[in-house]
Amino acid sequence: MSDEQEKLMGSMTIHKGHKLFRYNTKTTELAICTEYETDEHGRRKVTMENDCLYILALNERNAIRKLKNLAK
């Protein structure tokens, strides 16, 4: 197997109006994930980064709330 081969880590269903946020655990930075590729079926593929959590939320405030609930 090649080191560059893609591996499915999981899947998420994005609801209408929601955004995918990326939370870096080392720098504690929360940002909208805009780096993705779209395949021929319209599915988005996100390149996963090390030390990052990915959260679906309506806005940044809800993403922070979901992060706090994960920490409990």
PDB file of N, CA and C in Angstrom:
ATOM      1  N   MET A   1       0.827  -1.184   0.000  1.00  0.00           N
ATOM      2  CA  MET A   1       0.000   0.000   0.000  1.00  0.00           C
ATOM      3  C   MET A   1       0.869   1.244   0.000  1.00  0.00           C
ATOM      4  N   SER A   2       0.398   2.254  -0.653  1.00  0.00           N
ATOM      5  CA  SER A   2       1.106   3.525  -0.733  1.00  0.00           C
ATOM      6  C   SER A   2       0.803   4.368   0.508  1.00  0.00           C
ATOM      7  N   ASP A   3       1.756   5.225   0.901  1.00  0.00           N
ATOM      8  CA  ASP A   3       1.543   6.118   2.032  1.00  0.00           C
ATOM      9  C   ASP A   3       0.520   7.197   1.691  1.00  0.00           C
ATOM     10  N   GLU A   4       0.383   7.527   0.421  1.00  0.00           N
ATOM     11  CA  GLU A   4      -0.508   8.589  -0.027  1.00  0.00           C
ATOM     12  C   GLU A   4      -1.927   8.094  -0.296  1.00  0.00           C
ATOM     13  N   GLN A   5      -2.220   6.818  -0.063  1.00  0.00           N
ATOM     14  CA  GLN A   5      -3.532   6.268  -0.350  1.00  0.00           C
ATOM     15  C   GLN A   5      -4.564   6.852   0.619  1.00  0.00           C
ATOM     16  N   GLU A   6      -5.748   7.179   0.089  1.00  0.00           N
ATOM     17  CA  GLU A   6      -6.810   7.738   0.908  1.00  0.00           C
ATOM     18  C   GLU A   6      -7.438   6.657   1.766  1.00  0.00           C
ATOM     19  N   LYS A   7      -7.820   7.040   2.991  1.00  0.00           N
ATOM     20  CA  LYS A   7      -8.447   6.123   3.916  1.00  0.00           C
ATOM     21  C   LYS A   7      -9.673   6.818   4.500  1.00  0.00           C
ATOM     22  N   LEU A   8     -10.824   6.159   4.454  1.00  0.00           N
ATOM     23  CA  LEU A   8     -12.050   6.735   4.972  1.00  0.00           C
ATOM     24  C   LEU A   8     -12.003   6.749   6.490  1.00  0.00           C
ATOM     25  N   MET A   9     -12.097   7.947   7.080  1.00  0.00           N
ATOM     26  CA  MET A   9     -12.058   8.095   8.529  1.00  0.00           C
ATOM     27  C   MET A   9     -13.466   8.102   9.123  1.00  0.00           C
ATOM     28  N   GLY A  10     -14.436   8.477   8.316  1.00  0.00           N
ATOM     29  CA  GLY A  10     -15.811   8.551   8.781  1.00  0.00           C
ATOM     30  C   GLY A  10     -16.601   9.434   7.841  1.00  0.00           C
ATOM     31  N   SER A  11     -17.874   9.596   8.139  1.00  0.00           N
ATOM     32  CA  SER A  11     -18.696  10.448   7.290  1.00  0.00           C
ATOM     33  C   SER A  11     -19.662  11.239   8.156  1.00  0.00           C
ATOM     34  N   MET A  12     -20.082  12.387   7.654  1.00  0.00           N
ATOM     35  CA  MET A  12     -21.037  13.248   8.341  1.00  0.00           C
ATOM     36  C   MET A  12     -22.059  13.730   7.333  1.00  0.00           C
ATOM     37  N   THR A  13     -23.272  13.913   7.772  1.00  0.00           N
ATOM     38  CA  THR A  13     -24.303  14.496   6.930  1.00  0.00           C
ATOM     39  C   THR A  13     -24.415  15.966   7.298  1.00  0.00           C
ATOM     40  N   ILE A  14     -24.182  16.830   6.333  1.00  0.00           N
ATOM     41  CA  ILE A  14     -24.239  18.265   6.581  1.00  0.00           C
ATOM     42  C   ILE A  14     -25.668  18.736   6.340  1.00  0.00           C
ATOM     43  N   HIS A  15     -26.289  19.288   7.368  1.00  0.00           N
ATOM     44  CA  HIS A  15     -27.643  19.804   7.252  1.00  0.00           C
ATOM     45  C   HIS A  15     -27.621  21.167   6.566  1.00  0.00           C
ATOM     46  N   LYS A  16     -28.734  21.548   5.997  1.00  0.00           N
ATOM     47  CA  LYS A  16     -28.831  22.797   5.264  1.00  0.00           C
ATOM     48  C   LYS A  16     -28.493  23.976   6.173  1.00  0.00           C
ATOM     49  N   GLY A  17     -27.578  24.812   5.729  1.00  0.00           N
ATOM     50  CA  GLY A  17     -27.197  25.995   6.488  1.00  0.00           C
ATOM     51  C   GLY A  17     -26.073  25.769   7.484  1.00  0.00           C
ATOM     52  N   HIS A  18     -25.701  24.526   7.749  1.00  0.00           N
ATOM     53  CA  HIS A  18     -24.628  24.249   8.700  1.00  0.00           C
ATOM     54  C   HIS A  18     -23.265  24.337   8.029  1.00  0.00           C
ATOM     55  N   LYS A  19     -22.248  24.526   8.852  1.00  0.00           N
ATOM     56  CA  LYS A  19     -20.876  24.625   8.369  1.00  0.00           C
ATOM     57  C   LYS A  19     -20.005  23.614   9.112  1.00  0.00           C
ATOM     58  N   LEU A  20     -18.901  23.264   8.495  1.00  0.00           N
ATOM     59  CA  LEU A  20     -17.937  22.364   9.122  1.00  0.00           C
ATOM     60  C   LEU A  20     -16.831  23.211   9.739  1.00  0.00           C
ATOM     61  N   PHE A  21     -16.653  23.074  11.050  1.00  0.00           N
ATOM     62  CA  PHE A  21     -15.623  23.817  11.775  1.00  0.00           C
ATOM     63  C   PHE A  21     -14.481  22.873  12.129  1.00  0.00           C
ATOM     64  N   ARG A  22     -13.255  23.429  12.132  1.00  0.00           N
ATOM     65  CA  ARG A  22     -12.063  22.676  12.514  1.00  0.00           C
ATOM     66  C   ARG A  22     -11.494  23.316  13.775  1.00  0.00           C
ATOM     67  N   TYR A  23     -11.303  22.494  14.818  1.00  0.00           N
ATOM     68  CA  TYR A  23     -10.737  22.967  16.080  1.00  0.00           C
ATOM     69  C   TYR A  23      -9.370  22.328  16.263  1.00  0.00           C
ATOM     70  N   ASN A  24      -8.324  23.153  16.294  1.00  0.00           N
ATOM     71  CA  ASN A  24      -6.963  22.678  16.492  1.00  0.00           C
ATOM     72  C   ASN A  24      -6.715  22.583  17.995  1.00  0.00           C
ATOM     73  N   THR A  25      -6.406  21.396  18.483  1.00  0.00           N
ATOM     74  CA  THR A  25      -6.245  21.186  19.921  1.00  0.00           C
ATOM     75  C   THR A  25      -4.938  21.750  20.461  1.00  0.00           C
ATOM     76  N   LYS A  26      -3.944  21.935  19.610  1.00  0.00           N
ATOM     77  CA  LYS A  26      -2.664  22.487  20.079  1.00  0.00           C
ATOM     78  C   LYS A  26      -2.714  24.008  20.179  1.00  0.00           C
ATOM     79  N   THR A  27      -3.304  24.664  19.186  1.00  0.00           N
ATOM     80  CA  THR A  27      -3.345  26.131  19.183  1.00  0.00           C
ATOM     81  C   THR A  27      -4.671  26.670  19.698  1.00  0.00           C
ATOM     82  N   THR A  28      -5.626  25.809  20.013  1.00  0.00           N
ATOM     83  CA  THR A  28      -6.981  26.148  20.448  1.00  0.00           C
ATOM     84  C   THR A  28      -7.648  27.146  19.501  1.00  0.00           C
ATOM     85  N   GLU A  29      -7.463  26.941  18.216  1.00  0.00           N
ATOM     86  CA  GLU A  29      -8.048  27.811  17.202  1.00  0.00           C
ATOM     87  C   GLU A  29      -9.261  27.119  16.581  1.00  0.00           C
ATOM     88  N   LEU A  30     -10.350  27.860  16.458  1.00  0.00           N
ATOM     89  CA  LEU A  30     -11.567  27.369  15.823  1.00  0.00           C
ATOM     90  C   LEU A  30     -11.773  28.135  14.524  1.00  0.00           C
ATOM     91  N   ALA A  31     -11.903  27.416  13.404  1.00  0.00           N
ATOM     92  CA  ALA A  31     -12.045  28.057  12.100  1.00  0.00           C
ATOM     93  C   ALA A  31     -13.001  27.253  11.232  1.00  0.00           C
ATOM     94  N   ILE A  32     -13.617  27.938  10.274  1.00  0.00           N
ATOM     95  CA  ILE A  32     -14.474  27.260   9.305  1.00  0.00           C
ATOM     96  C   ILE A  32     -13.582  26.499   8.339  1.00  0.00           C
ATOM     97  N   CYS A  33     -13.912  25.252   8.100  1.00  0.00           N
ATOM     98  CA  CYS A  33     -13.128  24.406   7.206  1.00  0.00           C
ATOM     99  C   CYS A  33     -13.598  24.664   5.772  1.00  0.00           C
ATOM    100  N   THR A  34     -12.750  25.301   4.984  1.00  0.00           N
ATOM    101  CA  THR A  34     -13.103  25.622   3.605  1.00  0.00           C
ATOM    102  C   THR A  34     -12.284  24.830   2.608  1.00  0.00           C
ATOM    103  N   GLU A  35     -11.332  24.052   3.068  1.00  0.00           N
ATOM    104  CA  GLU A  35     -10.461  23.287   2.181  1.00  0.00           C
ATOM    105  C   GLU A  35     -11.033  21.893   1.975  1.00  0.00           C
ATOM    106  N   TYR A  36     -11.771  21.720   0.894  1.00  0.00           N
ATOM    107  CA  TYR A  36     -12.341  20.421   0.581  1.00  0.00           C
ATOM    108  C   TYR A  36     -12.408  20.258  -0.926  1.00  0.00           C
ATOM    109  N   GLU A  37     -12.524  19.008  -1.340  1.00  0.00           N
ATOM    110  CA  GLU A  37     -12.667  18.674  -2.759  1.00  0.00           C
ATOM    111  C   GLU A  37     -14.054  18.096  -2.957  1.00  0.00           C
ATOM    112  N   THR A  38     -14.642  18.341  -4.117  1.00  0.00           N
ATOM    113  CA  THR A  38     -15.943  17.782  -4.454  1.00  0.00           C
ATOM    114  C   THR A  38     -15.758  16.729  -5.541  1.00  0.00           C
ATOM    115  N   ASP A  39     -16.294  15.535  -5.305  1.00  0.00           N
ATOM    116  CA  ASP A  39     -16.152  14.478  -6.308  1.00  0.00           C
ATOM    117  C   ASP A  39     -17.288  14.546  -7.320  1.00  0.00           C
ATOM    118  N   GLU A  40     -17.320  13.573  -8.214  1.00  0.00           N
ATOM    119  CA  GLU A  40     -18.299  13.606  -9.309  1.00  0.00           C
ATOM    120  C   GLU A  40     -19.738  13.412  -8.835  1.00  0.00           C
ATOM    121  N   HIS A  41     -19.942  12.917  -7.621  1.00  0.00           N
ATOM    122  CA  HIS A  41     -21.287  12.703  -7.091  1.00  0.00           C
ATOM    123  C   HIS A  41     -21.746  13.860  -6.207  1.00  0.00           C
ATOM    124  N   GLY A  42     -20.918  14.892  -6.085  1.00  0.00           N
ATOM    125  CA  GLY A  42     -21.278  16.041  -5.269  1.00  0.00           C
ATOM    126  C   GLY A  42     -20.915  15.896  -3.803  1.00  0.00           C
ATOM    127  N   ARG A  43     -20.209  14.834  -3.459  1.00  0.00           N
ATOM    128  CA  ARG A  43     -19.799  14.639  -2.073  1.00  0.00           C
ATOM    129  C   ARG A  43     -18.502  15.400  -1.822  1.00  0.00           C
ATOM    130  N   ARG A  44     -18.404  15.976  -0.653  1.00  0.00           N
ATOM    131  CA  ARG A  44     -17.206  16.735  -0.289  1.00  0.00           C
ATOM    132  C   ARG A  44     -16.236  15.835   0.451  1.00  0.00           C
ATOM    133  N   LYS A  45     -14.958  15.983   0.125  1.00  0.00           N
ATOM    134  CA  LYS A  45     -13.908  15.236   0.812  1.00  0.00           C
ATOM    135  C   LYS A  45     -12.997  16.243   1.497  1.00  0.00           C
ATOM    136  N   VAL A  46     -12.825  16.074   2.789  1.00  0.00           N
ATOM    137  CA  VAL A  46     -12.007  16.975   3.592  1.00  0.00           C
ATOM    138  C   VAL A  46     -10.701  16.274   3.913  1.00  0.00           C
ATOM    139  N   THR A  47      -9.603  16.970   3.744  1.00  0.00           N
ATOM    140  CA  THR A  47      -8.302  16.438   4.125  1.00  0.00           C
ATOM    141  C   THR A  47      -8.130  16.647   5.625  1.00  0.00           C
ATOM    142  N   MET A  48      -8.029  15.548   6.359  1.00  0.00           N
ATOM    143  CA  MET A  48      -7.919  15.611   7.811  1.00  0.00           C
ATOM    144  C   MET A  48      -6.514  16.048   8.204  1.00  0.00           C
ATOM    145  N   GLU A  49      -6.435  16.928   9.190  1.00  0.00           N
ATOM    146  CA  GLU A  49      -5.156  17.381   9.717  1.00  0.00           C
ATOM    147  C   GLU A  49      -4.939  16.763  11.094  1.00  0.00           C
ATOM    148  N   ASN A  50      -3.679  16.598  11.442  1.00  0.00           N
ATOM    149  CA  ASN A  50      -3.351  16.060  12.758  1.00  0.00           C
ATOM    150  C   ASN A  50      -3.737  17.061  13.838  1.00  0.00           C
ATOM    151  N   ASP A  51      -4.106  16.555  14.999  1.00  0.00           N
ATOM    152  CA  ASP A  51      -4.455  17.363  16.173  1.00  0.00           C
ATOM    153  C   ASP A  51      -5.647  18.278  15.939  1.00  0.00           C
ATOM    154  N   CYS A  52      -6.588  17.871  15.090  1.00  0.00           N
ATOM    155  CA  CYS A  52      -7.781  18.676  14.823  1.00  0.00           C
ATOM    156  C   CYS A  52      -9.048  17.859  15.046  1.00  0.00           C
ATOM    157  N   LEU A  53     -10.065  18.535  15.562  1.00  0.00           N
ATOM    158  CA  LEU A  53     -11.396  17.966  15.706  1.00  0.00           C
ATOM    159  C   LEU A  53     -12.298  18.663  14.700  1.00  0.00           C
ATOM    160  N   TYR A  54     -13.230  17.943  14.116  1.00  0.00           N
ATOM    161  CA  TYR A  54     -14.145  18.501  13.127  1.00  0.00           C
ATOM    162  C   TYR A  54     -15.553  18.455  13.686  1.00  0.00           C
ATOM    163  N   ILE A  55     -16.241  19.611  13.630  1.00  0.00           N
ATOM    164  CA  ILE A  55     -17.552  19.771  14.248  1.00  0.00           C
ATOM    165  C   ILE A  55     -18.506  20.407  13.246  1.00  0.00           C
ATOM    166  N   LEU A  56     -19.705  19.867  13.136  1.00  0.00           N
ATOM    167  CA  LEU A  56     -20.756  20.482  12.327  1.00  0.00           C
ATOM    168  C   LEU A  56     -21.617  21.351  13.225  1.00  0.00           C
ATOM    169  N   ALA A  57     -21.813  22.610  12.820  1.00  0.00           N
ATOM    170  CA  ALA A  57     -22.628  23.517  13.618  1.00  0.00           C
ATOM    171  C   ALA A  57     -23.213  24.601  12.726  1.00  0.00           C
ATOM    172  N   LEU A  58     -24.250  25.240  13.233  1.00  0.00           N
ATOM    173  CA  LEU A  58     -24.911  26.308  12.497  1.00  0.00           C
ATOM    174  C   LEU A  58     -24.062  27.571  12.457  1.00  0.00           C
ATOM    175  N   ASN A  59     -23.424  27.877  13.583  1.00  0.00           N
ATOM    176  CA  ASN A  59     -22.564  29.058  13.657  1.00  0.00           C
ATOM    177  C   ASN A  59     -21.441  28.809  14.663  1.00  0.00           C
ATOM    178  N   GLU A  60     -20.568  29.785  14.811  1.00  0.00           N
ATOM    179  CA  GLU A  60     -19.393  29.613  15.668  1.00  0.00           C
ATOM    180  C   GLU A  60     -19.781  29.442  17.130  1.00  0.00           C
ATOM    181  N   ARG A  61     -20.807  30.151  17.582  1.00  0.00           N
ATOM    182  CA  ARG A  61     -21.242  30.046  18.970  1.00  0.00           C
ATOM    183  C   ARG A  61     -21.708  28.626  19.293  1.00  0.00           C
ATOM    184  N   ASN A  62     -22.447  28.013  18.378  1.00  0.00           N
ATOM    185  CA  ASN A  62     -22.900  26.635  18.598  1.00  0.00           C
ATOM    186  C   ASN A  62     -21.742  25.649  18.530  1.00  0.00           C
ATOM    187  N   ALA A  63     -20.735  25.931  17.698  1.00  0.00           N
ATOM    188  CA  ALA A  63     -19.556  25.062  17.629  1.00  0.00           C
ATOM    189  C   ALA A  63     -18.809  25.083  18.963  1.00  0.00           C
ATOM    190  N   ILE A  64     -18.711  26.255  19.576  1.00  0.00           N
ATOM    191  CA  ILE A  64     -18.050  26.366  20.888  1.00  0.00           C
ATOM    192  C   ILE A  64     -18.843  25.594  21.933  1.00  0.00           C
ATOM    193  N   ARG A  65     -20.170  25.702  21.886  1.00  0.00           N
ATOM    194  CA  ARG A  65     -21.029  24.971  22.831  1.00  0.00           C
ATOM    195  C   ARG A  65     -20.835  23.461  22.679  1.00  0.00           C
ATOM    196  N   LYS A  66     -20.741  22.979  21.434  1.00  0.00           N
ATOM    197  CA  LYS A  66     -20.552  21.552  21.211  1.00  0.00           C
ATOM    198  C   LYS A  66     -19.172  21.098  21.692  1.00  0.00           C
ATOM    199  N   LEU A  67     -18.156  21.949  21.556  1.00  0.00           N
ATOM    200  CA  LEU A  67     -16.820  21.623  22.068  1.00  0.00           C
ATOM    201  C   LEU A  67     -16.855  21.482  23.591  1.00  0.00           C
ATOM    202  N   LYS A  68     -17.578  22.379  24.249  1.00  0.00           N
ATOM    203  CA  LYS A  68     -17.678  22.316  25.714  1.00  0.00           C
ATOM    204  C   LYS A  68     -18.384  21.049  26.158  1.00  0.00           C
ATOM    205  N   ASN A  69     -19.401  20.622  25.389  1.00  0.00           N
ATOM    206  CA  ASN A  69     -20.097  19.381  25.729  1.00  0.00           C
ATOM    207  C   ASN A  69     -19.210  18.158  25.515  1.00  0.00           C
ATOM    208  N   LEU A  70     -18.294  18.215  24.549  1.00  0.00           N
ATOM    209  CA  LEU A  70     -17.351  17.103  24.346  1.00  0.00           C
ATOM    210  C   LEU A  70     -16.386  16.980  25.505  1.00  0.00           C
ATOM    211  N   ALA A  71     -16.051  18.106  26.134  1.00  0.00           N
ATOM    212  CA  ALA A  71     -15.070  18.111  27.223  1.00  0.00           C
ATOM    213  C   ALA A  71     -15.637  17.548  28.525  1.00  0.00           C
ATOM    214  N   LYS A  72     -16.950  17.475  28.635  1.00  0.00           N
ATOM    215  CA  LYS A  72     -17.567  16.966  29.867  1.00  0.00           C
ATOM    216  C   LYS A  72     -17.321  15.500  30.054  1.00  0.00           C
TER     217      LYS A  72
END
